[in-house]
């Protein structure tokens, strides 16, 4: 029982740190996109399309997102470059952040 409790605690702790870097974005009245910040990288997920937001918008893969999330697990804080919001506005137009 102790081992199961410790494993569950560890998984919850990792999940909370990952949720900290996740934002839902509402655009075009009823469209939803997800902005994931992990491992020093930002990703915009629109349905099945994944884009990496760096100095410019690049096409990415779920493997790259998974690697970024894995590297985020040990960190307590999520850092995001303010330029990310400019790139999101360029890609989506006007948007709202849903927390």
PDB file of N, CA and C in Angstrom:
ATOM      1  N   UNK A   1       0.824  -1.199   0.000  1.00  0.00           N
ATOM      2  CA  UNK A   1       0.000   0.000   0.000  1.00  0.00           C
ATOM      3  C   UNK A   1       0.863   1.255   0.000  1.00  0.00           C
ATOM      4  N   UNK A   2       1.949   1.212   0.743  1.00  0.00           N
ATOM      5  CA  UNK A   2       2.829   2.372   0.816  1.00  0.00           C
ATOM      6  C   UNK A   2       3.439   2.677  -0.551  1.00  0.00           C
ATOM      7  N   UNK A   3       3.903   1.660  -1.244  1.00  0.00           N
ATOM      8  CA  UNK A   3       4.503   1.861  -2.567  1.00  0.00           C
ATOM      9  C   UNK A   3       3.484   2.443  -3.534  1.00  0.00           C
ATOM     10  N   UNK A   4       2.264   1.918  -3.531  1.00  0.00           N
ATOM     11  CA  UNK A   4       1.217   2.454  -4.408  1.00  0.00           C
ATOM     12  C   UNK A   4       0.901   3.906  -4.082  1.00  0.00           C
ATOM     13  N   UNK A   5       0.854   4.246  -2.807  1.00  0.00           N
ATOM     14  CA  UNK A   5       0.588   5.624  -2.399  1.00  0.00           C
ATOM     15  C   UNK A   5       1.711   6.552  -2.849  1.00  0.00           C
ATOM     16  N   UNK A   6       2.957   6.104  -2.731  1.00  0.00           N
ATOM     17  CA  UNK A   6       4.092   6.928  -3.159  1.00  0.00           C
ATOM     18  C   UNK A   6       4.118   7.114  -4.680  1.00  0.00           C
ATOM     19  N   UNK A   7       3.781   6.074  -5.418  1.00  0.00           N
ATOM     20  CA  UNK A   7       3.722   6.179  -6.882  1.00  0.00           C
ATOM     21  C   UNK A   7       2.630   7.152  -7.287  1.00  0.00           C
ATOM     22  N   UNK A   8       1.464   7.048  -6.668  1.00  0.00           N
ATOM     23  CA  UNK A   8       0.355   7.960  -6.977  1.00  0.00           C
ATOM     24  C   UNK A   8       0.723   9.404  -6.644  1.00  0.00           C
ATOM     25  N   UNK A   9       1.379   9.614  -5.507  1.00  0.00           N
ATOM     26  CA  UNK A   9       1.818  10.954  -5.123  1.00  0.00           C
ATOM     27  C   UNK A   9       2.784  11.526  -6.160  1.00  0.00           C
ATOM     28  N   UNK A  10       3.734  10.718  -6.592  1.00  0.00           N
ATOM     29  CA  UNK A  10       4.715  11.157  -7.581  1.00  0.00           C
ATOM     30  C   UNK A  10       4.040  11.521  -8.903  1.00  0.00           C
ATOM     31  N   UNK A  11       3.075  10.718  -9.335  1.00  0.00           N
ATOM     32  CA  UNK A  11       2.368  10.995 -10.584  1.00  0.00           C
ATOM     33  C   UNK A  11       1.546  12.278 -10.482  1.00  0.00           C
ATOM     34  N   UNK A  12       0.893  12.492  -9.360  1.00  0.00           N
ATOM     35  CA  UNK A  12       0.112  13.725  -9.170  1.00  0.00           C
ATOM     36  C   UNK A  12       1.009  14.955  -9.155  1.00  0.00           C
ATOM     37  N   UNK A  13       2.147  14.821  -8.530  1.00  0.00           N
ATOM     38  CA  UNK A  13       3.103  15.925  -8.478  1.00  0.00           C
ATOM     39  C   UNK A  13       3.566  16.299  -9.887  1.00  0.00           C
ATOM     40  N   UNK A  14       3.874  15.304 -10.711  1.00  0.00           N
ATOM     41  CA  UNK A  14       4.284  15.554 -12.098  1.00  0.00           C
ATOM     42  C   UNK A  14       3.154  16.184 -12.897  1.00  0.00           C
ATOM     43  N   UNK A  15       1.939  15.720 -12.698  1.00  0.00           N
ATOM     44  CA  UNK A  15       0.791  16.246 -13.426  1.00  0.00           C
ATOM     45  C   UNK A  15       0.538  17.708 -13.089  1.00  0.00           C
ATOM     46  N   UNK A  16       0.666  18.069 -11.835  1.00  0.00           N
ATOM     47  CA  UNK A  16       0.454  19.466 -11.435  1.00  0.00           C
ATOM     48  C   UNK A  16       1.482  20.374 -12.080  1.00  0.00           C
ATOM     49  N   UNK A  17       2.728  19.958 -12.132  1.00  0.00           N
ATOM     50  CA  UNK A  17       3.763  20.796 -12.749  1.00  0.00           C
ATOM     51  C   UNK A  17       3.521  20.949 -14.244  1.00  0.00           C
ATOM     52  N   UNK A  18       2.946  19.938 -14.895  1.00  0.00           N
ATOM     53  CA  UNK A  18       2.652  20.031 -16.320  1.00  0.00           C
ATOM     54  C   UNK A  18       1.447  20.916 -16.590  1.00  0.00           C
ATOM     55  N   UNK A  19       0.453  20.857 -15.732  1.00  0.00           N
ATOM     56  CA  UNK A  19      -0.751  21.678 -15.913  1.00  0.00           C
ATOM     57  C   UNK A  19      -0.441  23.163 -15.758  1.00  0.00           C
ATOM     58  N   UNK A  20       0.588  23.484 -15.026  1.00  0.00           N
ATOM     59  CA  UNK A  20       0.970  24.875 -14.811  1.00  0.00           C
ATOM     60  C   UNK A  20       1.348  25.559 -16.126  1.00  0.00           C
ATOM     61  N   UNK A  21       1.896  24.831 -17.059  1.00  0.00           N
ATOM     62  CA  UNK A  21       2.351  25.402 -18.319  1.00  0.00           C
ATOM     63  C   UNK A  21       1.370  25.237 -19.463  1.00  0.00           C
ATOM     64  N   UNK A  22       0.124  24.922 -19.164  1.00  0.00           N
ATOM     65  CA  UNK A  22      -0.868  24.663 -20.203  1.00  0.00           C
ATOM     66  C   UNK A  22      -1.956  25.719 -20.161  1.00  0.00           C
ATOM     67  N   UNK A  23      -2.298  26.265 -21.328  1.00  0.00           N
ATOM     68  CA  UNK A  23      -3.364  27.258 -21.435  1.00  0.00           C
ATOM     69  C   UNK A  23      -4.272  26.900 -22.601  1.00  0.00           C
ATOM     70  N   UNK A  24      -5.531  27.108 -22.414  1.00  0.00           N
ATOM     71  CA  UNK A  24      -6.490  26.940 -23.498  1.00  0.00           C
ATOM     72  C   UNK A  24      -6.746  28.323 -24.087  1.00  0.00           C
ATOM     73  N   UNK A  25      -6.792  28.402 -25.408  1.00  0.00           N
ATOM     74  CA  UNK A  25      -7.010  29.669 -26.105  1.00  0.00           C
ATOM     75  C   UNK A  25      -8.286  29.573 -26.928  1.00  0.00           C
ATOM     76  N   UNK A  26      -9.118  30.582 -26.819  1.00  0.00           N
ATOM     77  CA  UNK A  26     -10.360  30.631 -27.589  1.00  0.00           C
ATOM     78  C   UNK A  26     -10.175  31.691 -28.672  1.00  0.00           C
ATOM     79  N   UNK A  27     -10.451  31.320 -29.922  1.00  0.00           N
ATOM     80  CA  UNK A  27     -10.306  32.239 -31.043  1.00  0.00           C
ATOM     81  C   UNK A  27     -11.427  31.989 -32.041  1.00  0.00           C
ATOM     82  N   UNK A  28     -11.642  32.876 -32.940  1.00  0.00           N
ATOM     83  CA  UNK A  28     -12.711  32.759 -33.945  1.00  0.00           C
ATOM     84  C   UNK A  28     -14.037  32.344 -33.314  1.00  0.00           C
ATOM     85  N   UNK A  29     -14.422  33.014 -32.264  1.00  0.00           N
ATOM     86  CA  UNK A  29     -15.688  32.837 -31.538  1.00  0.00           C
ATOM     87  C   UNK A  29     -15.805  31.515 -30.786  1.00  0.00           C
ATOM     88  N   UNK A  30     -15.605  30.373 -31.421  1.00  0.00           N
ATOM     89  CA  UNK A  30     -15.800  29.114 -30.710  1.00  0.00           C
ATOM     90  C   UNK A  30     -14.705  28.073 -30.960  1.00  0.00           C
ATOM     91  N   UNK A  31     -13.619  28.463 -31.590  1.00  0.00           N
ATOM     92  CA  UNK A  31     -12.502  27.544 -31.830  1.00  0.00           C
ATOM     93  C   UNK A  31     -11.589  27.527 -30.597  1.00  0.00           C
ATOM     94  N   UNK A  32     -11.036  26.358 -30.290  1.00  0.00           N
ATOM     95  CA  UNK A  32     -10.159  26.202 -29.133  1.00  0.00           C
ATOM     96  C   UNK A  32      -8.803  25.667 -29.598  1.00  0.00           C
ATOM     97  N   UNK A  33      -7.759  26.265 -29.074  1.00  0.00           N
ATOM     98  CA  UNK A  33      -6.390  25.791 -29.292  1.00  0.00           C
ATOM     99  C   UNK A  33      -5.738  25.658 -27.922  1.00  0.00           C
ATOM    100  N   UNK A  34      -4.642  24.949 -27.869  1.00  0.00           N
ATOM    101  CA  UNK A  34      -3.940  24.746 -26.609  1.00  0.00           C
ATOM    102  C   UNK A  34      -2.513  25.262 -26.745  1.00  0.00           C
ATOM    103  N   UNK A  35      -2.080  26.025 -25.755  1.00  0.00           N
ATOM    104  CA  UNK A  35      -0.713  26.526 -25.701  1.00  0.00           C
ATOM    105  C   UNK A  35      -0.006  25.790 -24.575  1.00  0.00           C
ATOM    106  N   UNK A  36       1.040  25.045 -24.919  1.00  0.00           N
ATOM    107  CA  UNK A  36       1.787  24.251 -23.943  1.00  0.00           C
ATOM    108  C   UNK A  36       3.187  24.829 -23.827  1.00  0.00           C
ATOM    109  N   UNK A  37       3.575  25.156 -22.598  1.00  0.00           N
ATOM    110  CA  UNK A  37       4.913  25.665 -22.314  1.00  0.00           C
ATOM    111  C   UNK A  37       5.614  24.650 -21.428  1.00  0.00           C
ATOM    112  N   UNK A  38       6.670  24.058 -21.945  1.00  0.00           N
ATOM    113  CA  UNK A  38       7.390  23.037 -21.180  1.00  0.00           C
ATOM    114  C   UNK A  38       8.824  22.966 -21.666  1.00  0.00           C
ATOM    115  N   UNK A  39       9.716  22.754 -20.733  1.00  0.00           N
ATOM    116  CA  UNK A  39      11.118  22.569 -21.085  1.00  0.00           C
ATOM    117  C   UNK A  39      11.724  23.749 -21.812  1.00  0.00           C
ATOM    118  N   UNK A  40      11.220  24.957 -21.566  1.00  0.00           N
ATOM    119  CA  UNK A  40      11.744  26.144 -22.223  1.00  0.00           C
ATOM    120  C   UNK A  40      11.235  26.341 -23.643  1.00  0.00           C
ATOM    121  N   UNK A  41      10.267  25.545 -24.064  1.00  0.00           N
ATOM    122  CA  UNK A  41       9.699  25.644 -25.405  1.00  0.00           C
ATOM    123  C   UNK A  41       8.202  25.872 -25.310  1.00  0.00           C
ATOM    124  N   UNK A  42       7.633  26.481 -26.336  1.00  0.00           N
ATOM    125  CA  UNK A  42       6.193  26.698 -26.400  1.00  0.00           C
ATOM    126  C   UNK A  42       5.647  26.044 -27.655  1.00  0.00           C
ATOM    127  N   UNK A  43       4.491  25.396 -27.501  1.00  0.00           N
ATOM    128  CA  UNK A  43       3.849  24.701 -28.610  1.00  0.00           C
ATOM    129  C   UNK A  43       2.390  25.130 -28.698  1.00  0.00           C
ATOM    130  N   UNK A  44       1.928  25.351 -29.905  1.00  0.00           N
ATOM    131  CA  UNK A  44       0.532  25.677 -30.164  1.00  0.00           C
ATOM    132  C   UNK A  44      -0.099  24.450 -30.811  1.00  0.00           C
ATOM    133  N   UNK A  45      -1.130  23.920 -30.181  1.00  0.00           N
ATOM    134  CA  UNK A  45      -1.793  22.718 -30.680  1.00  0.00           C
ATOM    135  C   UNK A  45      -3.193  23.105 -31.122  1.00  0.00           C
ATOM    136  N   UNK A  46      -3.451  22.931 -32.419  1.00  0.00           N
ATOM    137  CA  UNK A  46      -4.751  23.219 -33.011  1.00  0.00           C
ATOM    138  C   UNK A  46      -5.260  21.928 -33.637  1.00  0.00           C
ATOM    139  N   UNK A  47      -6.120  21.222 -32.931  1.00  0.00           N
ATOM    140  CA  UNK A  47      -6.605  19.947 -33.450  1.00  0.00           C
ATOM    141  C   UNK A  47      -5.463  18.973 -33.619  1.00  0.00           C
ATOM    142  N   UNK A  48      -5.203  18.557 -34.839  1.00  0.00           N
ATOM    143  CA  UNK A  48      -4.102  17.611 -35.084  1.00  0.00           C
ATOM    144  C   UNK A  48      -2.815  18.297 -35.521  1.00  0.00           C
ATOM    145  N   UNK A  49      -2.825  19.626 -35.615  1.00  0.00           N
ATOM    146  CA  UNK A  49      -1.645  20.380 -36.029  1.00  0.00           C
ATOM    147  C   UNK A  49      -0.898  20.895 -34.807  1.00  0.00           C
ATOM    148  N   UNK A  50       0.420  20.687 -34.803  1.00  0.00           N
ATOM    149  CA  UNK A  50       1.277  21.134 -33.705  1.00  0.00           C
ATOM    150  C   UNK A  50       2.328  22.064 -34.282  1.00  0.00           C
ATOM    151  N   UNK A  51       2.447  23.247 -33.662  1.00  0.00           N
ATOM    152  CA  UNK A  51       3.426  24.232 -34.118  1.00  0.00           C
ATOM    153  C   UNK A  51       4.298  24.650 -32.945  1.00  0.00           C
ATOM    154  N   UNK A  52       5.596  24.717 -33.199  1.00  0.00           N
ATOM    155  CA  UNK A  52       6.544  25.161 -32.190  1.00  0.00           C
ATOM    156  C   UNK A  52       6.714  26.671 -32.346  1.00  0.00           C
ATOM    157  N   UNK A  53       6.628  27.382 -31.231  1.00  0.00           N
ATOM    158  CA  UNK A  53       6.754  28.834 -31.236  1.00  0.00           C
ATOM    159  C   UNK A  53       8.119  29.198 -30.668  1.00  0.00           C
ATOM    160  N   UNK A  54       9.017  29.592 -31.519  1.00  0.00           N
ATOM    161  CA  UNK A  54      10.354  30.022 -31.097  1.00  0.00           C
ATOM    162  C   UNK A  54      10.509  31.463 -31.573  1.00  0.00           C
ATOM    163  N   UNK A  55      11.521  31.755 -32.360  1.00  0.00           N
ATOM    164  CA  UNK A  55      11.636  33.087 -32.968  1.00  0.00           C
ATOM    165  C   UNK A  55      10.627  33.225 -34.098  1.00  0.00           C
ATOM    166  N   UNK A  56      10.211  32.087 -34.622  1.00  0.00           N
ATOM    167  CA  UNK A  56       9.184  32.048 -35.662  1.00  0.00           C
ATOM    168  C   UNK A  56       8.340  30.798 -35.440  1.00  0.00           C
ATOM    169  N   UNK A  57       7.294  30.641 -36.202  1.00  0.00           N
ATOM    170  CA  UNK A  57       6.398  29.501 -36.079  1.00  0.00           C
ATOM    171  C   UNK A  57       6.912  28.377 -36.968  1.00  0.00           C
ATOM    172  N   UNK A  58       7.124  27.193 -36.367  1.00  0.00           N
ATOM    173  CA  UNK A  58       7.620  26.041 -37.101  1.00  0.00           C
ATOM    174  C   UNK A  58       6.691  24.863 -36.879  1.00  0.00           C
ATOM    175  N   UNK A  59       6.568  23.995 -37.851  1.00  0.00           N
ATOM    176  CA  UNK A  59       5.779  22.773 -37.704  1.00  0.00           C
ATOM    177  C   UNK A  59       6.544  21.833 -36.776  1.00  0.00           C
ATOM    178  N   UNK A  60       5.820  21.169 -35.874  1.00  0.00           N
ATOM    179  CA  UNK A  60       6.442  20.285 -34.903  1.00  0.00           C
ATOM    180  C   UNK A  60       5.704  18.948 -34.869  1.00  0.00           C
ATOM    181  N   UNK A  61       6.158  18.075 -33.981  1.00  0.00           N
ATOM    182  CA  UNK A  61       5.546  16.752 -33.833  1.00  0.00           C
ATOM    183  C   UNK A  61       5.207  16.503 -32.363  1.00  0.00           C
ATOM    184  N   UNK A  62       4.377  15.514 -32.143  1.00  0.00           N
ATOM    185  CA  UNK A  62       4.011  15.145 -30.774  1.00  0.00           C
ATOM    186  C   UNK A  62       5.220  14.600 -30.016  1.00  0.00           C
ATOM    187  N   UNK A  63       6.169  13.992 -30.721  1.00  0.00           N
ATOM    188  CA  UNK A  63       7.394  13.502 -30.065  1.00  0.00           C
ATOM    189  C   UNK A  63       8.187  14.645 -29.453  1.00  0.00           C
ATOM    190  N   UNK A  64       8.274  15.755 -30.168  1.00  0.00           N
ATOM    191  CA  UNK A  64       8.999  16.918 -29.651  1.00  0.00           C
ATOM    192  C   UNK A  64       8.285  17.506 -28.435  1.00  0.00           C
ATOM    193  N   UNK A  65       6.965  17.530 -28.473  1.00  0.00           N
ATOM    194  CA  UNK A  65       6.185  18.004 -27.324  1.00  0.00           C
ATOM    195  C   UNK A  65       6.409  17.072 -26.132  1.00  0.00           C
ATOM    196  N   UNK A  66       6.389  15.782 -26.359  1.00  0.00           N
ATOM    197  CA  UNK A  66       6.598  14.803 -25.282  1.00  0.00           C
ATOM    198  C   UNK A  66       7.977  14.953 -24.650  1.00  0.00           C
ATOM    199  N   UNK A  67       8.998  15.194 -25.475  1.00  0.00           N
ATOM    200  CA  UNK A  67      10.355  15.398 -24.932  1.00  0.00           C
ATOM    201  C   UNK A  67      10.406  16.661 -24.076  1.00  0.00           C
ATOM    202  N   UNK A  68       9.751  17.733 -24.517  1.00  0.00           N
ATOM    203  CA  UNK A  68       9.725  18.979 -23.747  1.00  0.00           C
ATOM    204  C   UNK A  68       8.998  18.780 -22.422  1.00  0.00           C
ATOM    205  N   UNK A  69       7.891  18.056 -22.452  1.00  0.00           N
ATOM    206  CA  UNK A  69       7.133  17.790 -21.226  1.00  0.00           C
ATOM    207  C   UNK A  69       7.956  16.938 -20.269  1.00  0.00           C
ATOM    208  N   UNK A  70       8.672  15.962 -20.797  1.00  0.00           N
ATOM    209  CA  UNK A  70       9.519  15.105 -19.959  1.00  0.00           C
ATOM    210  C   UNK A  70      10.622  15.929 -19.287  1.00  0.00           C
ATOM    211  N   UNK A  71      11.199  16.887 -19.999  1.00  0.00           N
ATOM    212  CA  UNK A  71      12.254  17.712 -19.400  1.00  0.00           C
ATOM    213  C   UNK A  71      11.699  18.711 -18.400  1.00  0.00           C
ATOM    214  N   UNK A  72      10.397  18.991 -18.444  1.00  0.00           N
ATOM    215  CA  UNK A  72       9.758  19.930 -17.523  1.00  0.00           C
ATOM    216  C   UNK A  72       9.476  19.294 -16.169  1.00  0.00           C
ATOM    217  N   UNK A  73       9.400  17.988 -16.102  1.00  0.00           N
ATOM    218  CA  UNK A  73       8.968  17.297 -14.884  1.00  0.00           C
ATOM    219  C   UNK A  73       9.736  17.691 -13.635  1.00  0.00           C
ATOM    220  N   UNK A  74      11.020  17.905 -13.725  1.00  0.00           N
ATOM    221  CA  UNK A  74      11.806  18.234 -12.548  1.00  0.00           C
ATOM    222  C   UNK A  74      11.781  19.697 -12.155  1.00  0.00           C
ATOM    223  N   UNK A  75      11.251  20.548 -12.988  1.00  0.00           N
ATOM    224  CA  UNK A  75      11.273  21.986 -12.729  1.00  0.00           C
ATOM    225  C   UNK A  75      10.042  22.438 -11.957  1.00  0.00           C
ATOM    226  N   UNK A  76      10.238  23.461 -11.131  1.00  0.00           N
ATOM    227  CA  UNK A  76       9.124  23.996 -10.353  1.00  0.00           C
ATOM    228  C   UNK A  76       8.422  25.135 -11.073  1.00  0.00           C
ATOM    229  N   UNK A  77       9.151  25.886 -11.872  1.00  0.00           N
ATOM    230  CA  UNK A  77       8.584  27.053 -12.546  1.00  0.00           C
ATOM    231  C   UNK A  77       8.495  26.827 -14.044  1.00  0.00           C
ATOM    232  N   UNK A  78       7.548  27.519 -14.650  1.00  0.00           N
ATOM    233  CA  UNK A  78       7.394  27.502 -16.096  1.00  0.00           C
ATOM    234  C   UNK A  78       7.763  28.892 -16.599  1.00  0.00           C
ATOM    235  N   UNK A  79       8.710  28.954 -17.515  1.00  0.00           N
ATOM    236  CA  UNK A  79       9.130  30.238 -18.081  1.00  0.00           C
ATOM    237  C   UNK A  79       8.639  30.340 -19.515  1.00  0.00           C
ATOM    238  N   UNK A  80       8.174  31.540 -19.867  1.00  0.00           N
ATOM    239  CA  UNK A  80       7.666  31.748 -21.211  1.00  0.00           C
ATOM    240  C   UNK A  80       8.156  33.090 -21.727  1.00  0.00           C
ATOM    241  N   UNK A  81       8.618  33.079 -22.958  1.00  0.00           N
ATOM    242  CA  UNK A  81       9.058  34.289 -23.624  1.00  0.00           C
ATOM    243  C   UNK A  81       7.821  35.107 -24.014  1.00  0.00           C
ATOM    244  N   UNK A  82       7.786  36.398 -23.717  1.00  0.00           N
ATOM    245  CA  UNK A  82       6.621  37.222 -24.084  1.00  0.00           C
ATOM    246  C   UNK A  82       6.365  37.266 -25.593  1.00  0.00           C
ATOM    247  N   UNK A  83       7.375  36.977 -26.404  1.00  0.00           N
ATOM    248  CA  UNK A  83       7.189  36.966 -27.858  1.00  0.00           C
ATOM    249  C   UNK A  83       6.228  35.875 -28.298  1.00  0.00           C
ATOM    250  N   UNK A  84       6.018  34.871 -27.443  1.00  0.00           N
ATOM    251  CA  UNK A  84       5.111  33.775 -27.769  1.00  0.00           C
ATOM    252  C   UNK A  84       3.709  34.309 -28.030  1.00  0.00           C
ATOM    253  N   UNK A  85       3.273  35.261 -27.215  1.00  0.00           N
ATOM    254  CA  UNK A  85       1.925  35.805 -27.393  1.00  0.00           C
ATOM    255  C   UNK A  85       1.801  36.579 -28.696  1.00  0.00           C
ATOM    256  N   UNK A  86       2.883  37.216 -29.118  1.00  0.00           N
ATOM    257  CA  UNK A  86       2.870  37.903 -30.420  1.00  0.00           C
ATOM    258  C   UNK A  86       2.735  36.892 -31.556  1.00  0.00           C
ATOM    259  N   UNK A  87       3.446  35.781 -31.451  1.00  0.00           N
ATOM    260  CA  UNK A  87       3.358  34.737 -32.476  1.00  0.00           C
ATOM    261  C   UNK A  87       1.973  34.099 -32.494  1.00  0.00           C
ATOM    262  N   UNK A  88       1.385  33.900 -31.320  1.00  0.00           N
ATOM    263  CA  UNK A  88       0.036  33.328 -31.257  1.00  0.00           C
ATOM    264  C   UNK A  88      -0.962  34.279 -31.893  1.00  0.00           C
ATOM    265  N   UNK A  89      -0.824  35.584 -31.617  1.00  0.00           N
ATOM    266  CA  UNK A  89      -1.727  36.573 -32.218  1.00  0.00           C
ATOM    267  C   UNK A  89      -1.569  36.587 -33.741  1.00  0.00           C
ATOM    268  N   UNK A  90      -0.341  36.428 -34.205  1.00  0.00           N
ATOM    269  CA  UNK A  90      -0.095  36.378 -35.645  1.00  0.00           C
ATOM    270  C   UNK A  90      -0.746  35.140 -36.265  1.00  0.00           C
ATOM    271  N   UNK A  91      -0.717  34.022 -35.553  1.00  0.00           N
ATOM    272  CA  UNK A  91      -1.255  32.765 -36.071  1.00  0.00           C
ATOM    273  C   UNK A  91      -2.777  32.681 -35.954  1.00  0.00           C
ATOM    274  N   UNK A  92      -3.326  33.099 -34.799  1.00  0.00           N
ATOM    275  CA  UNK A  92      -4.752  32.925 -34.540  1.00  0.00           C
ATOM    276  C   UNK A  92      -5.583  34.191 -34.708  1.00  0.00           C
ATOM    277  N   UNK A  93      -4.946  35.336 -34.681  1.00  0.00           N
ATOM    278  CA  UNK A  93      -5.701  36.597 -34.635  1.00  0.00           C
ATOM    279  C   UNK A  93      -6.019  36.906 -33.180  1.00  0.00           C
ATOM    280  N   UNK A  94      -7.119  37.592 -32.936  1.00  0.00           N
ATOM    281  CA  UNK A  94      -7.506  37.893 -31.552  1.00  0.00           C
ATOM    282  C   UNK A  94      -7.901  36.601 -30.845  1.00  0.00           C
ATOM    283  N   UNK A  95      -7.498  36.482 -29.580  1.00  0.00           N
ATOM    284  CA  UNK A  95      -7.784  35.267 -28.820  1.00  0.00           C
ATOM    285  C   UNK A  95      -7.992  35.627 -27.353  1.00  0.00           C
ATOM    286  N   UNK A  96      -8.613  34.716 -26.632  1.00  0.00           N
ATOM    287  CA  UNK A  96      -8.801  34.827 -25.196  1.00  0.00           C
ATOM    288  C   UNK A  96      -8.110  33.661 -24.522  1.00  0.00           C
ATOM    289  N   UNK A  97      -7.541  33.889 -23.333  1.00  0.00           N
ATOM    290  CA  UNK A  97      -6.903  32.819 -22.569  1.00  0.00           C
ATOM    291  C   UNK A  97      -7.930  32.265 -21.592  1.00  0.00           C
ATOM    292  N   UNK A  98      -8.125  30.972 -21.630  1.00  0.00           N
ATOM    293  CA  UNK A  98      -9.046  30.296 -20.726  1.00  0.00           C
ATOM    294  C   UNK A  98      -8.212  29.519 -19.712  1.00  0.00           C
ATOM    295  N   UNK A  99      -8.326  29.877 -18.448  1.00  0.00           N
ATOM    296  CA  UNK A  99      -7.571  29.184 -17.398  1.00  0.00           C
ATOM    297  C   UNK A  99      -8.474  28.285 -16.596  1.00  0.00           C
TER     298      UNK A  99
END
